[in-house]
């Protein structure tokens, strides 16, 4: 085996990412609770006790991360726990999150804290949620409370995780609470989310001037299924425009997308210290008068697929995403990248080939500062429930036992070496070698 090493910059952050509702368990008072109780999650699943983090099992998982050489971990705060009622703050919940952030620091792991990751307090939802024009003010007040509590232990903040996904699935596709299917409403929600990000950005910097504040957006390349067919090209371009560009354009340049063109919202601009990039797969788009929103989306053909065949191995899509992200002129964090794979057959190859693309992007001098794998331990995957397994560690929901998958050992070797090494790839992901070492016999 050739002695080939793809070395990452000194100080590059390696770690994992997750969300409160995915791992905490025992959650009450948020909009997902009645949604799950109504059977609106796949197979009737509920989050239940999840991975037990609210009961303290974050400690052993943080130990696993530290032992594996991880240097960063992104977790989210549940707004409903911190502010269980409009006029009440829960100091015990704030102390819980303070302990988590401090626990990461004590293990030599940089905390990256997300303020909103798909879950809203039930009281907030009942007053109109993100359709309410007062939502940005309410969110900024919540951000102020959390940052004031955690600022001695955390200095990197994501205001929102995937606000584009949240708006699309909650207000266009109807798969997240509140389950609406109205693009006009989704557009109003998106405007309020962008305003809330800007308000939180200003709030955080007022309390913690040295903070790095950004948002994590889901980037999904959408390709025309039939490049020769103009309607396919038009729909792919339209979906790319709305889904991928809306929030980074608002936060960087103070521009909001309109039905045609853009309009200025200068108070929203210059509110990105970094851009978080989430990437999982690429899709192709075909026009169909019989499909919802006149577009059928599917994975590309001729590439390996995940267990449920809805995620494709297209590592070049991550490189494309980084190229797209660097035009916004701020450092880039890969804030989520992973594949659902209960058998851990595709994940090692997925890891190797995507990290090779990150390394290539860095060698173009594009400012990638971190890579966070989704995820550390299996969690509740929103409308898919427990049918999708993304963890480096497998979770037995009944016993709460964690079992390392082979990918956990592979990723640990990468983190410790700060490099993707051909010898390690040959051991854990031999199928990736042709992509990493073309022409090697």
Protein backbone atom coordinates (compact mmCIF):
# COMPACT_ATOMS: atom_id res chain seq x y z
CA UNK A 1 0.00 0.00 0.00
CA UNK A 2 1.33 3.41 -1.01
CA UNK A 3 2.13 5.69 1.93
CA UNK A 4 -0.41 8.37 1.04
CA UNK A 5 -1.71 10.82 3.65
CA UNK A 6 -4.21 13.60 3.09
CA UNK A 7 -3.26 15.91 5.96
CA UNK A 8 -5.64 18.55 7.31
CA UNK A 9 -4.59 21.95 8.69
CA UNK A 10 -3.33 22.29 12.23
CA UNK A 11 -6.22 23.15 14.54
CA UNK A 12 -8.86 21.72 12.21
CA UNK A 13 -11.92 20.74 14.27
CA UNK A 14 -13.14 17.14 14.12
CA UNK A 15 -16.32 15.99 15.81
CA UNK A 16 -19.97 15.12 15.60
CA UNK A 17 -23.31 16.88 15.69
CA UNK A 18 -26.76 16.23 17.11
CA UNK A 19 -29.95 17.93 18.34
CA UNK A 20 -31.73 18.03 21.68
CA UNK A 21 -34.84 16.10 20.71
CA UNK A 22 -32.78 13.46 18.94
CA UNK A 23 -30.86 12.41 22.03
CA UNK A 24 -32.20 13.95 25.25
CA UNK A 25 -35.37 11.96 25.89
CA UNK A 26 -38.23 12.76 28.23
CA UNK A 27 -39.06 15.95 26.39
CA UNK A 28 -42.31 17.70 27.27
CA UNK A 29 -43.81 20.98 26.26
CA UNK A 30 -42.63 21.18 22.66
CA UNK A 31 -44.57 21.01 19.41
CA UNK A 32 -43.21 17.57 18.53
CA UNK A 33 -44.87 15.93 21.53
CA UNK A 34 -48.49 16.19 20.29
CA UNK A 35 -47.28 15.58 16.73
CA UNK A 36 -45.73 12.27 17.75
CA UNK A 37 -48.71 11.38 19.96
CA UNK A 38 -50.99 11.85 16.94
CA UNK A 39 -49.01 9.18 15.04
CA UNK A 40 -47.56 11.57 12.48
CA UNK A 41 -44.04 10.11 12.64
CA UNK A 42 -43.10 7.11 10.51
CA UNK A 43 -44.30 3.81 11.99
CA UNK A 44 -45.86 5.68 14.90
CA UNK A 45 -42.48 6.20 16.53
CA UNK A 46 -41.88 8.64 19.37
CA UNK A 47 -38.64 10.05 20.72
CA UNK A 48 -39.27 8.44 24.11
CA UNK A 49 -36.11 8.35 26.20
CA UNK A 50 -33.99 8.76 23.06
CA UNK A 51 -30.32 8.38 24.04
CA UNK A 52 -30.92 9.43 27.64
CA UNK A 53 -28.89 12.65 27.60
CA UNK A 54 -31.36 14.50 29.81
CA UNK A 55 -30.86 11.78 32.39
CA UNK A 56 -27.09 12.23 32.27
CA UNK A 57 -25.87 9.78 29.65
CA UNK A 58 -24.28 12.66 27.77
CA UNK A 59 -21.33 12.14 30.12
CA UNK A 60 -20.46 8.68 28.78
CA UNK A 61 -21.03 9.78 25.19
CA UNK A 62 -18.77 12.79 25.69
CA UNK A 63 -16.17 10.39 27.12
CA UNK A 64 -16.47 8.29 23.95
CA UNK A 65 -15.98 11.38 21.81
CA UNK A 66 -12.89 12.44 23.78
CA UNK A 67 -11.39 8.95 23.67
CA UNK A 68 -11.93 8.96 19.90
CA UNK A 69 -9.91 12.12 19.38
CA UNK A 70 -12.84 14.40 18.65
CA UNK A 71 -12.11 18.08 19.21
CA UNK A 72 -15.62 19.54 18.72
CA UNK A 73 -19.22 18.60 19.35
CA UNK A 74 -22.34 20.46 18.27
CA UNK A 75 -25.44 20.07 20.41
CA UNK A 76 -28.64 22.06 20.59
CA UNK A 77 -30.60 23.64 23.41
CA UNK A 78 -34.31 22.84 23.67
CA UNK A 79 -36.15 26.16 23.84
CA UNK A 80 -39.12 24.48 25.53
CA UNK A 81 -36.95 23.31 28.45
CA UNK A 82 -35.34 26.71 28.99
CA UNK A 83 -38.58 28.69 28.63
CA UNK A 84 -41.46 26.34 29.52
CA UNK A 85 -43.95 29.24 29.53
CA UNK A 86 -43.87 32.74 28.04
CA UNK A 87 -43.30 34.28 31.46
CA UNK A 88 -41.04 31.64 33.02
CA UNK A 89 -37.41 30.61 32.69
CA UNK A 90 -36.15 27.27 33.99
CA UNK A 91 -32.84 27.82 35.76
CA UNK A 92 -32.38 24.08 36.31
CA UNK A 93 -32.51 23.50 32.54
CA UNK A 94 -29.97 26.26 31.96
CA UNK A 95 -27.73 24.65 34.55
CA UNK A 96 -28.06 21.31 32.75
CA UNK A 97 -26.82 22.84 29.50
CA UNK A 98 -24.12 24.71 31.38
CA UNK A 99 -22.88 21.37 32.73
CA UNK A 100 -22.86 19.91 29.23
CA UNK A 101 -20.84 22.79 27.78
CA UNK A 102 -18.47 22.68 30.72
CA UNK A 103 -18.22 18.90 30.39
CA UNK A 104 -17.06 19.27 26.80
CA UNK A 105 -14.47 21.86 27.74
CA UNK A 106 -13.14 19.63 30.51
CA UNK A 107 -12.66 16.86 27.96
CA UNK A 108 -10.79 19.13 25.56
CA UNK A 109 -13.74 19.33 23.16
CA UNK A 110 -14.94 22.64 21.73
CA UNK A 111 -18.70 23.13 22.28
CA UNK A 112 -20.70 24.43 19.32
CA UNK A 113 -24.18 25.34 20.52
CA UNK A 114 -27.27 25.48 18.31
CA UNK A 115 -30.15 27.56 19.63
CA UNK A 116 -32.90 26.17 17.39
CA UNK A 117 -32.88 22.71 15.86
CA UNK A 118 -36.41 21.98 14.61
CA UNK A 119 -38.18 22.13 18.01
CA UNK A 120 -40.42 24.95 19.25
CA UNK A 121 -42.14 25.37 22.63
CA UNK A 122 -45.80 24.39 22.50
CA UNK A 123 -46.82 27.80 23.89
CA UNK A 124 -44.91 29.46 21.05
CA UNK A 125 -46.60 27.24 18.46
CA UNK A 126 -50.02 27.97 19.94
CA UNK A 127 -49.49 31.71 19.47
CA UNK A 128 -48.73 31.24 15.79
CA UNK A 129 -45.12 30.12 15.96
CA UNK A 130 -42.97 31.44 13.13
CA UNK A 131 -45.99 32.93 11.38
CA UNK A 132 -46.23 35.45 14.21
CA UNK A 133 -44.45 38.74 13.43
CA UNK A 134 -43.31 38.86 17.09
CA UNK A 135 -41.34 35.61 16.72
CA UNK A 136 -37.93 37.26 16.11
CA UNK A 137 -38.21 39.28 19.33
CA UNK A 138 -39.21 36.21 21.34
CA UNK A 139 -36.35 34.21 19.88
CA UNK A 140 -33.81 36.96 20.63
CA UNK A 141 -34.95 37.01 24.27
CA UNK A 142 -34.45 33.25 24.47
CA UNK A 143 -31.02 33.57 22.83
CA UNK A 144 -30.05 36.21 25.38
CA UNK A 145 -30.94 33.92 28.28
CA UNK A 146 -29.02 30.94 26.90
CA UNK A 147 -25.91 32.86 25.89
CA UNK A 148 -25.74 34.64 29.25
CA UNK A 149 -25.83 31.23 30.95
CA UNK A 150 -23.28 29.47 28.72
CA UNK A 151 -20.94 32.23 27.57
CA UNK A 152 -18.12 31.17 29.90
CA UNK A 153 -18.01 27.74 28.27
CA UNK A 154 -19.10 28.23 24.65
CA UNK A 155 -18.15 30.84 22.07
CA UNK A 156 -19.34 29.28 18.79
CA UNK A 157 -23.08 29.59 18.16
CA UNK A 158 -25.43 28.39 15.45
CA UNK A 159 -28.62 30.40 15.69
CA UNK A 160 -30.55 27.88 13.57
CA UNK A 161 -29.96 24.46 12.14
CA UNK A 162 -31.32 24.14 8.62
CA UNK A 163 -33.97 26.85 8.66
CA UNK A 164 -34.54 26.01 4.98
CA UNK A 165 -35.41 22.39 5.86
CA UNK A 166 -37.55 23.53 8.79
CA UNK A 167 -39.58 25.90 6.60
CA UNK A 168 -39.85 23.41 3.73
CA UNK A 169 -40.91 20.39 5.78
CA UNK A 170 -43.12 22.27 8.23
CA UNK A 171 -44.90 24.63 5.86
CA UNK A 172 -44.59 23.19 2.33
CA UNK A 173 -44.36 19.39 2.63
CA UNK A 174 -46.33 19.10 5.88
CA UNK A 175 -43.94 16.54 7.39
CA UNK A 176 -42.90 18.61 10.45
CA UNK A 177 -45.15 20.46 12.87
CA UNK A 178 -47.32 22.41 12.18
CA UNK A 179 -47.90 20.28 9.07
CA UNK A 180 -48.91 22.99 6.61
CA UNK A 181 -48.69 22.93 2.81
CA UNK A 182 -48.71 26.54 1.74
CA UNK A 183 -45.75 28.17 -0.01
CA UNK A 184 -47.00 31.68 0.76
CA UNK A 185 -47.03 30.87 4.47
CA UNK A 186 -43.61 29.23 4.18
CA UNK A 187 -42.23 32.41 2.65
CA UNK A 188 -43.55 34.50 5.55
CA UNK A 189 -42.04 32.01 7.99
CA UNK A 190 -38.70 32.19 6.19
CA UNK A 191 -38.67 35.99 6.49
CA UNK A 192 -39.31 35.73 10.23
CA UNK A 193 -36.60 33.08 10.65
CA UNK A 194 -34.10 35.30 8.82
CA UNK A 195 -35.06 38.25 11.02
CA UNK A 196 -34.74 36.06 14.13
CA UNK A 197 -31.24 35.01 13.10
CA UNK A 198 -30.22 38.65 12.68
CA UNK A 199 -31.76 39.64 16.03
CA UNK A 200 -30.01 36.74 17.78
CA UNK A 201 -26.71 37.60 16.09
CA UNK A 202 -26.84 41.13 17.49
CA UNK A 203 -27.90 39.84 20.91
CA UNK A 204 -25.08 37.31 21.12
CA UNK A 205 -22.41 39.81 20.13
CA UNK A 206 -23.70 42.30 22.66
CA UNK A 207 -23.30 39.71 25.43
CA UNK A 208 -20.16 38.04 24.08
CA UNK A 209 -18.25 40.25 21.65
CA UNK A 210 -15.68 37.55 20.88
CA UNK A 211 -18.33 35.01 19.84
CA UNK A 212 -18.46 33.39 16.43
CA UNK A 213 -22.07 33.33 15.27
CA UNK A 214 -23.48 31.65 12.20
CA UNK A 215 -26.24 29.38 11.02
CA UNK A 216 -26.18 25.87 9.59
CA UNK A 217 -27.92 25.49 6.26
CA UNK A 218 -28.77 22.33 4.38
CA UNK A 219 -27.17 22.35 0.95
CA UNK A 220 -28.62 19.90 -1.54
CA UNK A 221 -27.51 19.98 -5.18
CA UNK A 222 -30.60 19.50 -7.33
CA UNK A 223 -29.84 18.43 -10.91
CA UNK A 224 -32.13 18.26 -13.91
CA UNK A 225 -33.16 14.64 -14.47
CA UNK A 226 -33.17 15.27 -18.23
CA UNK A 227 -30.75 18.13 -18.98
CA UNK A 228 -32.10 18.30 -22.53
CA UNK A 229 -35.66 18.97 -21.26
CA UNK A 230 -36.21 22.67 -20.39
CA UNK A 231 -38.94 22.11 -17.72
CA UNK A 232 -36.55 19.84 -15.77
CA UNK A 233 -33.82 22.49 -15.91
CA UNK A 234 -36.24 25.24 -14.86
CA UNK A 235 -37.57 23.31 -11.86
CA UNK A 236 -34.12 22.20 -10.73
CA UNK A 237 -32.90 25.81 -10.93
CA UNK A 238 -35.98 27.13 -9.12
CA UNK A 239 -35.71 24.65 -6.26
CA UNK A 240 -31.97 25.31 -5.93
CA UNK A 241 -32.65 29.03 -5.75
CA UNK A 242 -35.23 28.85 -3.00
CA UNK A 243 -33.90 25.97 -0.94
CA UNK A 244 -30.15 26.57 -1.04
CA UNK A 245 -29.77 30.32 -1.35
CA UNK A 246 -32.47 31.96 0.77
CA UNK A 247 -30.88 32.12 4.22
CA UNK A 248 -27.18 32.57 3.36
CA UNK A 249 -28.12 35.39 0.97
CA UNK A 250 -30.21 37.11 3.65
CA UNK A 251 -27.57 36.80 6.38
CA UNK A 252 -24.59 37.75 4.24
CA UNK A 253 -25.90 40.42 1.86
CA UNK A 254 -29.21 41.49 3.41
CA UNK A 255 -31.14 40.30 0.36
CA UNK A 256 -34.41 38.37 0.49
CA UNK A 257 -35.61 36.32 -2.44
CA UNK A 258 -38.86 37.46 -4.05
CA UNK A 259 -41.02 35.74 -6.64
CA UNK A 260 -38.79 37.44 -9.19
CA UNK A 261 -35.38 38.75 -8.17
CA UNK A 262 -34.57 39.99 -4.67
CA UNK A 263 -35.36 42.90 -2.41
CA UNK A 264 -33.16 44.60 0.14
CA UNK A 265 -33.40 43.98 3.89
CA UNK A 266 -30.16 45.61 5.06
CA UNK A 267 -30.77 44.94 8.77
CA UNK A 268 -30.41 41.23 8.06
CA UNK A 269 -27.04 41.47 6.32
CA UNK A 270 -23.53 41.11 7.73
CA UNK A 271 -24.77 38.69 10.38
CA UNK A 272 -22.55 35.71 9.55
CA UNK A 273 -19.19 35.06 11.20
CA UNK A 274 -19.19 31.59 9.63
CA UNK A 275 -21.52 29.51 7.49
CA UNK A 276 -22.43 26.01 8.61
CA UNK A 277 -22.83 23.61 5.70
CA UNK A 278 -24.91 20.44 6.07
CA UNK A 279 -24.68 17.98 3.19
CA UNK A 280 -25.91 14.43 2.86
CA UNK A 281 -26.79 13.68 -0.76
CA UNK A 282 -27.59 14.96 -4.25
CA UNK A 283 -30.92 14.61 -6.03
CA UNK A 284 -32.21 14.84 -9.58
CA UNK A 285 -35.40 16.75 -10.37
CA UNK A 286 -37.91 15.95 -13.09
CA UNK A 287 -40.91 18.03 -14.03
CA UNK A 288 -44.25 16.23 -13.71
CA UNK A 289 -47.71 17.79 -13.88
CA UNK A 290 -48.95 15.01 -11.57
CA UNK A 291 -46.37 15.44 -8.76
CA UNK A 292 -46.64 17.74 -5.73
CA UNK A 293 -45.30 21.16 -6.76
CA UNK A 294 -44.84 19.67 -10.26
CA UNK A 295 -41.49 18.10 -9.47
CA UNK A 296 -40.34 14.54 -8.81
CA UNK A 297 -37.10 14.15 -6.91
CA UNK A 298 -34.99 11.02 -6.61
CA UNK A 299 -31.38 9.95 -6.02
CA UNK A 300 -29.12 9.79 -9.06
CA UNK A 301 -28.93 6.42 -10.78
CA UNK A 302 -25.82 4.29 -10.93
CA UNK A 303 -24.38 5.20 -7.53
CA UNK A 304 -24.49 3.34 -4.18
CA UNK A 305 -27.59 4.05 -2.08
CA UNK A 306 -28.32 3.96 1.64
CA UNK A 307 -30.37 1.21 3.24
CA UNK A 308 -33.69 2.93 2.51
CA UNK A 309 -32.45 3.93 -0.95
CA UNK A 310 -33.17 7.62 -0.47
CA UNK A 311 -29.59 8.82 0.06
CA UNK A 312 -26.95 8.46 -2.64
CA UNK A 313 -23.17 8.36 -2.38
CA UNK A 314 -22.25 11.52 -4.29
CA UNK A 315 -19.22 12.95 -2.47
CA UNK A 316 -18.64 15.48 -5.26
CA UNK A 317 -21.81 17.18 -4.02
CA UNK A 318 -20.00 18.17 -0.82
CA UNK A 319 -17.19 19.73 -2.85
CA UNK A 320 -19.81 21.58 -4.88
CA UNK A 321 -21.41 22.75 -1.64
CA UNK A 322 -18.12 24.10 -0.31
CA UNK A 323 -17.48 25.89 -3.60
CA UNK A 324 -20.96 27.42 -3.33
CA UNK A 325 -20.47 28.37 0.34
CA UNK A 326 -17.12 30.11 -0.06
CA UNK A 327 -18.70 32.81 -2.21
CA UNK A 328 -20.34 34.23 0.94
CA UNK A 329 -16.92 35.31 2.17
CA UNK A 330 -16.83 33.76 5.66
CA UNK A 331 -15.23 30.63 7.17
CA UNK A 332 -17.07 27.38 6.50
CA UNK A 333 -17.87 24.68 9.04
CA UNK A 334 -19.14 21.33 7.77
CA UNK A 335 -21.80 21.18 10.48
CA UNK A 336 -23.39 17.85 9.44
CA UNK A 337 -22.41 15.15 6.99
CA UNK A 338 -23.49 11.54 7.30
CA UNK A 339 -25.55 8.68 5.94
CA UNK A 340 -28.25 6.45 7.39
CA UNK A 341 -26.78 2.97 7.51
CA UNK A 342 -27.85 0.56 10.25
CA UNK A 343 -25.49 -2.15 8.96
CA UNK A 344 -22.51 0.19 8.62
CA UNK A 345 -21.72 -1.15 5.18
CA UNK A 346 -21.80 2.15 3.24
CA UNK A 347 -20.75 4.58 5.99
CA UNK A 348 -16.98 3.85 5.98
CA UNK A 349 -16.78 4.48 2.24
CA UNK A 350 -19.06 7.51 2.61
CA UNK A 351 -16.77 8.96 5.29
CA UNK A 352 -13.58 8.41 3.32
CA UNK A 353 -14.81 9.80 0.02
CA UNK A 354 -16.51 12.84 1.53
CA UNK A 355 -13.47 13.71 3.65
CA UNK A 356 -11.30 13.44 0.55
CA UNK A 357 -13.54 16.08 -1.05
CA UNK A 358 -13.14 18.31 2.02
CA UNK A 359 -9.37 17.94 1.80
CA UNK A 360 -9.46 18.89 -1.88
CA UNK A 361 -11.53 21.97 -1.11
CA UNK A 362 -9.05 23.05 1.57
CA UNK A 363 -6.29 22.72 -1.00
CA UNK A 364 -8.14 25.19 -3.16
CA UNK A 365 -7.60 27.52 -0.19
CA UNK A 366 -11.30 27.54 0.59
CA UNK A 367 -11.77 28.36 4.30
CA UNK A 368 -13.09 25.10 5.75
CA UNK A 369 -12.43 25.05 9.49
CA UNK A 370 -14.32 22.01 10.82
CA UNK A 371 -15.93 18.70 9.95
CA UNK A 372 -18.76 17.39 12.13
CA UNK A 373 -20.11 13.95 11.37
CA UNK A 374 -23.80 13.22 11.83
CA UNK A 375 -23.88 11.66 14.33
CA UNK A 376 -22.19 10.30 17.49
CA UNK A 377 -24.91 7.88 18.64
CA UNK A 378 -28.18 6.87 16.96
CA UNK A 379 -30.95 9.39 17.56
CA UNK A 380 -34.58 10.16 16.82
CA UNK A 381 -34.62 11.21 13.16
CA UNK A 382 -37.64 13.52 13.10
CA UNK A 383 -40.41 12.40 10.70
CA UNK A 384 -38.46 9.18 10.03
CA UNK A 385 -38.48 8.28 13.73
CA UNK A 386 -36.11 5.43 14.57
CA UNK A 387 -36.12 3.94 11.07
CA UNK A 388 -32.91 5.78 10.14
CA UNK A 389 -29.64 5.08 11.95
CA UNK A 390 -26.85 7.62 11.55
CA UNK A 391 -24.71 6.92 14.62
CA UNK A 392 -21.07 5.98 14.83
CA UNK A 393 -22.34 4.11 17.90
CA UNK A 394 -25.46 1.96 17.61
CA UNK A 395 -28.11 2.56 20.27
CA UNK A 396 -30.29 -0.15 21.81
CA UNK A 397 -33.34 1.86 22.86
CA UNK A 398 -34.48 -0.74 25.38
CA UNK A 399 -31.22 -1.16 27.29
CA UNK A 400 -29.57 2.17 26.33
CA UNK A 401 -26.46 0.15 25.45
CA UNK A 402 -24.06 1.71 22.96
CA UNK A 403 -22.15 -0.48 20.51
CA UNK A 404 -19.38 1.00 18.37
CA UNK A 405 -19.78 0.46 14.68
CA UNK A 406 -16.66 -0.04 12.59
CA UNK A 407 -17.05 3.57 11.41
CA UNK A 408 -16.48 4.78 14.98
CA UNK A 409 -13.00 3.24 14.96
CA UNK A 410 -12.32 4.51 11.43
CA UNK A 411 -13.35 8.05 12.27
CA UNK A 412 -11.34 7.97 15.51
CA UNK A 413 -8.21 7.02 13.54
CA UNK A 414 -8.79 9.96 11.18
CA UNK A 415 -9.33 12.41 14.04
CA UNK A 416 -6.25 11.30 15.95
CA UNK A 417 -4.05 11.52 12.86
CA UNK A 418 -5.62 14.75 11.60
CA UNK A 419 -5.36 13.01 8.27
CA UNK A 420 -7.00 10.56 5.92
CA UNK A 421 -4.40 7.84 5.44
CA UNK A 422 -4.41 5.25 2.67
CA UNK A 423 -3.45 2.48 5.09
CA UNK A 424 -6.39 3.29 7.35
CA UNK A 425 -8.76 3.54 4.39
CA UNK A 426 -7.55 0.15 3.17
CA UNK A 427 -8.37 -1.32 6.58
CA UNK A 428 -11.84 0.17 7.06
CA UNK A 429 -13.10 1.34 3.65
CA UNK A 430 -11.24 -0.49 0.86
CA UNK A 431 -14.06 0.32 -1.59
CA UNK A 432 -13.03 3.98 -1.32
CA UNK A 433 -9.46 3.45 -2.45
CA UNK A 434 -10.13 3.89 -6.20
CA UNK A 435 -11.62 7.33 -5.52
CA UNK A 436 -8.77 8.38 -3.25
CA UNK A 437 -5.93 6.81 -5.21
CA UNK A 438 -6.94 6.72 -8.88
CA UNK A 439 -4.65 4.54 -10.96
CA UNK A 440 -3.21 2.72 -7.96
CA UNK A 441 -2.93 -1.03 -8.48
